Amino acid sequence: MKDRVSIDLKDGVADVRLIRADKMNALDEAMFDALIEAAAQLAQMKGLRAVVLSGEGRAFCAGLDMGRMEAMKNQGEALAGLRDLTARSHGPANRPQWAAWAWRELPVPVIAAVHGVAFGGGFQVALGADMRFSTADCRFSVMEIRWGLVPDVAGTQLMRHLAREDVVRDLTYSGRIFNGVEAKEYGFVTRVCADPRAEALDYAREIANKNPDAIRAAKRLLNLAVATDARTGLMAESKEQVRLIGSPNQIEAVRAEMARRKPVFNDA
């Protein structure tokens, strides 16, 4: 993992970086493995409050490594190393899908800071985050159609909750490139800013000063809300609130707010 993804934890905020800058952080087998391993490590990390996911160098992630496309061109269906994508190796997902979906499953908020390009699988990895901060000139694309493929890094399931159906279809059918401003209009980008990583880290530090029990409960509820009916979601909301009311961190949140001081929370 160390030659593909780095993790730096400080004051509850994990600064996670794709570090294959010479290849614009493209997704090769090692990068898929590193993303999955990084998410697994973070899920077990004590004191974690929020995550910022970004890429070093000129881009967030340029998508699938071109070496794999060369192999596909030369070998066709006999592409060496191609796994059975219908096998569910990670809960509901296969291995490439989990490289994006794992960020959704982390118990704390994840902010993707995106610059340069986020093409194909790189775009889908960013969609796995709770929010995306982007430069105005960042270029995005659901690029798989250019290679005669469909988005398969969990993109169809992530896009449908963020943008209108016709917009998702347009981008998937055409593979056209769109910028950060357009991405915000569509619903894929949360905030357009000059320095997405700096703003994302500031925002993550703000989250880190909130009740970690409530933040984790909120993420569970919001994840559930897009995958269930209203009756189930409303009951889950009530159950989470019952667990929070009167708990030590919730009481500390009230006391700190009333005293106008910074709260001191126990780790979730």
Protein backbone atom coordinates (compact mmCIF):
# COMPACT_ATOMS: atom_id res chain seq x y z
CA MET A 1 0.00 0.00 0.00
CA LYS A 2 2.80 2.41 0.87
CA ASP A 3 3.79 3.05 -2.76
CA ARG A 4 0.20 3.88 -3.77
CA VAL A 5 -1.65 5.44 -0.80
CA SER A 6 -0.44 7.29 2.29
CA ILE A 7 -2.31 7.99 5.53
CA ASP A 8 -1.46 10.75 8.01
CA LEU A 9 -3.68 11.00 11.11
CA LYS A 10 -3.65 14.22 13.12
CA ASP A 11 -6.21 15.43 15.66
CA GLY A 12 -8.75 12.89 14.47
CA VAL A 13 -8.46 13.80 10.76
CA ALA A 14 -6.94 11.30 8.35
CA ASP A 15 -5.19 12.93 5.38
CA VAL A 16 -5.30 10.13 2.77
CA ARG A 17 -3.33 10.65 -0.42
CA LEU A 18 -3.07 8.73 -3.67
CA ILE A 19 0.67 8.93 -4.28
CA ARG A 20 1.19 7.48 -7.77
CA ALA A 21 1.77 10.98 -9.12
CA ASP A 22 3.92 9.89 -12.07
CA LYS A 23 0.88 8.05 -13.49
CA MET A 24 -1.69 10.66 -12.41
CA ASN A 25 -2.74 8.19 -9.69
CA ALA A 26 -4.17 5.80 -12.26
CA LEU A 27 -5.87 2.62 -11.09
CA ASP A 28 -3.69 -0.43 -11.53
CA GLU A 29 -4.05 -3.66 -9.53
CA ALA A 30 -1.81 -2.29 -6.77
CA MET A 31 -3.85 0.93 -6.51
CA PHE A 32 -7.12 -1.00 -6.17
CA ASP A 33 -5.51 -3.08 -3.42
CA ALA A 34 -4.10 0.01 -1.71
CA LEU A 35 -7.44 1.83 -1.67
CA ILE A 36 -9.14 -1.19 -0.15
CA GLU A 37 -6.36 -1.70 2.41
CA ALA A 38 -6.38 1.99 3.35
CA ALA A 39 -10.13 1.96 3.94
CA ALA A 40 -9.81 -1.20 6.05
CA GLN A 41 -7.09 0.38 8.19
CA LEU A 42 -9.14 3.53 8.69
CA ALA A 43 -12.21 1.53 9.71
CA GLN A 44 -10.20 0.11 12.64
CA MET A 45 -8.36 3.32 13.54
CA LYS A 46 -8.96 4.62 17.05
CA GLY A 47 -9.70 8.32 17.39
CA LEU A 48 -10.73 8.75 13.75
CA ARG A 49 -13.25 11.56 13.25
CA ALA A 50 -13.08 12.43 9.52
CA VAL A 51 -11.16 11.58 6.33
CA VAL A 52 -9.88 13.71 3.45
CA LEU A 53 -9.10 11.77 0.27
CA SER A 54 -6.96 13.48 -2.37
CA GLY A 55 -4.32 12.82 -5.02
CA GLU A 56 -0.73 14.02 -5.28
CA GLY A 57 0.62 15.64 -8.41
CA ARG A 58 -1.41 16.84 -11.38
CA ALA A 59 -4.61 14.89 -10.77
CA PHE A 60 -6.92 13.19 -8.34
CA CYS A 61 -7.10 10.02 -10.45
CA ALA A 62 -6.90 9.54 -14.21
CA GLY A 63 -8.92 6.33 -14.13
CA LEU A 64 -7.89 2.86 -15.24
CA ASP A 65 -4.21 2.42 -15.99
CA MET A 66 -3.57 2.51 -19.73
CA GLY A 67 -1.46 -0.62 -19.45
CA ARG A 68 -4.63 -2.56 -18.82
CA MET A 69 -6.22 -1.09 -21.93
CA GLU A 70 -3.18 -2.12 -23.96
CA ALA A 71 -3.52 -5.66 -22.63
CA MET A 72 -7.21 -5.68 -23.53
CA LYS A 73 -6.42 -4.46 -27.05
CA ASN A 74 -3.81 -7.15 -27.57
CA GLN A 75 -5.50 -10.06 -25.83
CA GLY A 76 -9.22 -9.36 -26.14
CA GLU A 77 -11.27 -11.70 -24.01
CA ALA A 78 -8.14 -13.54 -22.96
CA LEU A 79 -6.98 -10.54 -20.92
CA ALA A 80 -4.55 -11.93 -18.38
CA GLY A 81 -5.55 -11.55 -14.77
CA LEU A 82 -9.19 -10.64 -15.41
CA ARG A 83 -11.22 -11.81 -12.46
CA ASP A 84 -14.83 -12.94 -12.41
CA LEU A 85 -16.50 -9.59 -11.74
CA THR A 86 -19.74 -11.26 -10.68
CA ALA A 87 -18.01 -12.79 -7.63
CA ARG A 88 -18.90 -10.87 -4.46
CA SER A 89 -15.58 -10.64 -2.61
CA HIS A 90 -16.46 -7.68 -0.34
CA GLY A 91 -20.01 -7.91 0.98
CA PRO A 92 -22.30 -6.57 -1.77
CA ALA A 93 -19.38 -5.68 -4.07
CA ASN A 94 -16.54 -7.10 -6.08
CA ARG A 95 -12.97 -5.92 -5.58
CA PRO A 96 -12.95 -2.89 -7.97
CA GLN A 97 -16.36 -1.78 -6.73
CA TRP A 98 -15.19 -1.93 -3.13
CA ALA A 99 -12.32 0.48 -3.90
CA ALA A 100 -15.04 3.15 -4.24
CA TRP A 101 -17.82 1.78 -2.04
CA ALA A 102 -15.53 1.26 0.98
CA TRP A 103 -15.36 5.03 1.53
CA ARG A 104 -19.13 5.11 1.80
CA GLU A 105 -18.99 2.32 4.37
CA LEU A 106 -16.42 4.02 6.61
CA PRO A 107 -18.14 5.06 9.84
CA VAL A 108 -16.93 8.69 9.60
CA PRO A 109 -17.43 11.41 6.96
CA VAL A 110 -15.11 11.31 3.94
CA ILE A 111 -14.39 14.40 1.84
CA ALA A 112 -12.78 13.89 -1.57
CA ALA A 113 -10.59 16.85 -2.62
CA VAL A 114 -10.47 16.70 -6.40
CA HIS A 115 -8.24 18.52 -8.88
CA GLY A 116 -6.80 17.97 -12.34
CA VAL A 117 -8.85 15.06 -13.61
CA ALA A 118 -11.18 12.43 -12.18
CA PHE A 119 -11.89 10.11 -15.08
CA GLY A 120 -13.69 6.78 -15.17
CA GLY A 121 -12.84 4.76 -12.10
CA GLY A 122 -11.21 7.82 -10.53
CA PHE A 123 -14.50 9.71 -10.77
CA GLN A 124 -16.29 6.76 -9.19
CA VAL A 125 -13.80 6.56 -6.29
CA ALA A 126 -14.49 10.24 -5.59
CA LEU A 127 -18.23 9.53 -5.65
CA GLY A 128 -17.75 7.06 -2.82
CA ALA A 129 -16.96 9.97 -0.48
CA ASP A 130 -19.67 11.79 1.47
CA MET A 131 -18.76 15.07 -0.24
CA ARG A 132 -16.52 16.33 -3.02
CA PHE A 133 -14.60 19.62 -3.04
CA SER A 134 -13.27 20.48 -6.50
CA THR A 135 -11.44 23.13 -8.44
CA ALA A 136 -13.50 24.89 -11.08
CA ASP A 137 -11.28 23.59 -13.88
CA CYS A 138 -11.11 19.98 -12.73
CA ARG A 139 -12.18 17.66 -15.55
CA PHE A 140 -14.56 14.77 -14.95
CA SER A 141 -15.84 12.00 -17.18
CA VAL A 142 -17.79 8.77 -17.01
CA MET A 143 -15.25 7.57 -19.53
CA GLU A 144 -15.94 3.84 -19.75
CA ILE A 145 -18.08 4.14 -22.89
CA ARG A 146 -15.00 5.29 -24.80
CA TRP A 147 -13.53 1.84 -24.19
CA GLY A 148 -16.80 0.10 -25.04
CA LEU A 149 -17.59 -0.52 -21.37
CA VAL A 150 -20.02 0.55 -18.65
CA PRO A 151 -19.07 2.21 -15.34
CA ASP A 152 -18.31 -0.68 -12.99
CA VAL A 153 -16.51 0.80 -9.96
CA ALA A 154 -19.88 1.22 -8.19
CA GLY A 155 -20.59 4.27 -10.35
CA THR A 156 -24.14 3.41 -11.42
CA GLN A 157 -25.20 3.02 -7.78
CA LEU A 158 -23.41 6.16 -6.60
CA MET A 159 -24.40 8.50 -9.43
CA ARG A 160 -28.11 7.78 -9.20
CA HIS A 161 -28.42 9.38 -5.77
CA LEU A 162 -26.57 12.56 -6.73
CA ALA A 163 -27.82 13.69 -10.14
CA ARG A 164 -31.00 13.54 -12.18
CA GLU A 165 -31.52 10.32 -14.06
CA ASP A 166 -31.32 11.97 -17.47
CA VAL A 167 -28.00 13.64 -16.54
CA VAL A 168 -26.55 10.31 -15.42
CA ARG A 169 -27.69 8.72 -18.67
CA ASP A 170 -26.27 11.55 -20.76
CA LEU A 171 -22.83 11.33 -19.15
CA THR A 172 -22.78 7.53 -19.22
CA TYR A 173 -23.86 7.25 -22.86
CA SER A 174 -21.59 10.04 -24.15
CA GLY A 175 -18.47 9.84 -21.98
CA ARG A 176 -18.14 13.60 -22.43
CA ILE A 177 -15.84 15.65 -20.23
CA PHE A 178 -17.33 18.24 -17.87
CA ASN A 179 -15.69 20.66 -15.44
CA GLY A 180 -16.02 21.30 -11.71
CA VAL A 181 -18.60 24.06 -12.13
CA GLU A 182 -20.79 21.78 -14.24
CA ALA A 183 -20.24 18.93 -11.81
CA LYS A 184 -21.59 21.10 -9.00
CA GLU A 185 -24.64 22.03 -11.08
CA TYR A 186 -25.29 18.33 -11.75
CA GLY A 187 -24.98 17.43 -8.06
CA PHE A 188 -21.67 15.55 -8.11
CA VAL A 189 -19.57 18.29 -6.47
CA THR A 190 -20.39 19.84 -3.10
CA ARG A 191 -18.11 22.87 -3.17
CA VAL A 192 -16.01 24.55 -5.89
CA CYS A 193 -12.87 26.16 -4.46
CA ALA A 194 -9.34 27.21 -5.38
CA ASP A 195 -7.65 24.77 -2.99
CA PRO A 196 -9.93 21.77 -2.42
CA ARG A 197 -7.52 19.87 -0.16
CA ALA A 198 -6.95 22.83 2.18
CA GLU A 199 -10.68 23.54 2.41
CA ALA A 200 -11.47 19.86 2.89
CA LEU A 201 -8.95 19.57 5.73
CA ASP A 202 -10.41 22.67 7.40
CA TYR A 203 -13.88 21.23 7.06
CA ALA A 204 -12.75 17.84 8.40
CA ARG A 205 -11.24 19.56 11.46
CA GLU A 206 -14.59 21.25 12.03
CA ILE A 207 -16.32 17.85 11.93
CA ALA A 208 -13.68 16.48 14.32
CA ASN A 209 -14.89 18.99 16.94
CA LYS A 210 -18.45 17.63 16.83
CA ASN A 211 -19.84 14.76 18.93
CA PRO A 212 -18.27 11.71 17.21
CA ASP A 213 -21.15 9.48 18.32
CA ALA A 214 -23.66 11.77 16.62
CA ILE A 215 -21.56 12.10 13.46
CA ARG A 216 -21.27 8.32 13.10
CA ALA A 217 -24.97 7.88 13.80
CA ALA A 218 -25.78 10.53 11.18
CA LYS A 219 -23.69 8.74 8.55
CA ARG A 220 -25.40 5.43 9.31
CA LEU A 221 -28.80 7.09 8.93
CA LEU A 222 -27.93 8.94 5.75
CA ASN A 223 -26.51 5.79 4.17
CA LEU A 224 -29.65 3.92 5.13
CA ALA A 225 -31.92 6.66 3.81
CA VAL A 226 -30.90 6.03 0.20
CA ALA A 227 -31.34 2.27 0.47
CA THR A 228 -34.60 1.70 2.32
CA ASP A 229 -38.26 2.68 2.67
CA ALA A 230 -39.50 5.56 4.82
CA ARG A 231 -40.91 3.32 7.59
CA THR A 232 -37.58 1.57 8.13
CA GLY A 233 -35.64 4.84 7.87
CA LEU A 234 -37.85 6.65 10.38
CA MET A 235 -37.51 3.85 12.91
CA ALA A 236 -33.72 3.82 12.46
CA GLU A 237 -33.67 7.58 13.03
CA SER A 238 -35.55 7.15 16.31
CA LYS A 239 -33.30 4.34 17.51
CA GLU A 240 -30.14 6.33 16.82
CA GLN A 241 -31.53 9.33 18.71
CA VAL A 242 -32.47 7.18 21.71
CA ARG A 243 -28.87 5.93 21.89
CA LEU A 244 -27.51 9.47 21.72
CA ILE A 245 -29.76 11.31 24.18
CA GLY A 246 -28.12 11.45 27.59
CA SER A 247 -24.92 9.76 26.46
CA PRO A 248 -21.63 11.28 27.77
CA ASN A 249 -20.64 12.90 24.48
CA GLN A 250 -24.12 14.30 23.92
CA ILE A 251 -24.15 15.86 27.37
CA GLU A 252 -20.68 17.28 26.74
CA ALA A 253 -21.96 18.82 23.48
CA VAL A 254 -24.75 20.59 25.38
CA ARG A 255 -22.46 21.79 28.16
CA ALA A 256 -19.85 23.10 25.72
CA GLU A 257 -22.45 24.87 23.61
CA MET A 258 -23.99 26.56 26.63
CA ALA A 259 -20.58 27.54 28.03
CA ARG A 260 -19.39 28.70 24.57
CA ARG A 261 -16.25 26.57 24.83
CA LYS A 262 -14.64 23.90 22.72
CA PRO A 263 -16.06 20.46 23.59
CA VAL A 264 -13.87 17.59 24.78
CA PHE A 265 -15.32 14.34 23.49
CA ASN A 266 -14.47 10.73 24.21
CA ASP A 267 -13.53 8.67 21.16
CA ALA A 268 -16.45 6.96 19.50
